[in-house]
């Protein structure tokens, strides 16, 4: 049997919708880190979307 990491044990104790909750509510005491992570995630998503549209435009030309 594989050893469970502390992170695996912690996530097993969280409610089923913990990811959605964490996305919209900063964990108490970690607001600054949460905002930095969310900002970076939004930026990466924007870049990904721009690359996708760029590829569509290249194929259409």
Protein backbone atom coordinates (compact mmCIF):
# COMPACT_ATOMS: atom_id res chain seq x y z
CA UNK A 1 0.00 0.00 0.00
CA UNK A 2 1.35 3.44 -0.93
CA UNK A 3 2.09 5.93 1.82
CA UNK A 4 -0.27 8.87 1.93
CA UNK A 5 1.29 12.30 1.96
CA UNK A 6 0.02 14.86 4.47
CA UNK A 7 -1.55 16.74 1.56
CA UNK A 8 -3.42 13.64 0.43
CA UNK A 9 -4.69 13.06 3.94
CA UNK A 10 -5.78 16.69 4.25
CA UNK A 11 -7.69 16.72 0.96
CA UNK A 12 -9.42 13.47 1.91
CA UNK A 13 -10.87 15.26 4.96
CA UNK A 14 -12.20 18.24 3.00
CA UNK A 15 -15.78 18.47 1.71
CA UNK A 16 -16.39 17.27 -1.89
CA UNK A 17 -16.72 20.80 -3.27
CA UNK A 18 -13.55 22.12 -1.59
CA UNK A 19 -11.88 23.06 -4.89
CA UNK A 20 -14.78 25.24 -5.94
CA UNK A 21 -14.96 26.83 -2.50
CA UNK A 22 -11.21 27.50 -2.48
CA UNK A 23 -11.44 29.15 -5.89
CA UNK A 24 -13.94 31.76 -4.72
CA UNK A 25 -12.93 32.23 -1.08
CA UNK A 26 -9.37 32.91 0.01
CA UNK A 27 -8.15 30.61 2.78
CA UNK A 28 -8.00 32.56 6.03
CA UNK A 29 -4.52 33.91 6.63
CA UNK A 30 -3.40 33.29 3.04
CA UNK A 31 -5.22 36.08 1.21
CA UNK A 32 -2.06 37.58 -0.33
CA UNK A 33 -0.80 34.23 -1.62
CA UNK A 34 -4.27 33.32 -2.88
CA UNK A 35 -4.58 36.58 -4.82
CA UNK A 36 -1.10 36.09 -6.33
CA UNK A 37 -1.95 32.52 -7.35
CA UNK A 38 -5.31 33.51 -8.78
CA UNK A 39 -3.75 36.38 -10.74
CA UNK A 40 -1.12 34.05 -12.20
CA UNK A 41 -3.77 31.46 -13.09
CA UNK A 42 -5.92 34.07 -14.86
CA UNK A 43 -2.88 35.33 -16.78
CA UNK A 44 -2.00 31.81 -17.95
CA UNK A 45 -5.59 31.20 -19.00
CA UNK A 46 -5.58 34.44 -21.00
CA UNK A 47 -2.34 33.45 -22.75
CA UNK A 48 -3.73 30.01 -23.53
CA UNK A 49 -6.88 31.51 -25.02
CA UNK A 50 -4.87 33.96 -27.13
CA UNK A 51 -2.67 31.12 -28.44
CA UNK A 52 -5.78 29.12 -29.34
CA UNK A 53 -7.31 32.05 -31.26
CA UNK A 54 -3.96 32.67 -32.96
CA UNK A 55 -3.84 29.06 -34.16
CA UNK A 56 -7.39 29.34 -35.51
CA UNK A 57 -6.48 32.49 -37.40
CA UNK A 58 -3.36 30.83 -38.84
CA UNK A 59 -5.40 27.86 -40.08
CA UNK A 60 -8.08 30.10 -41.61
CA UNK A 61 -5.56 32.14 -43.59
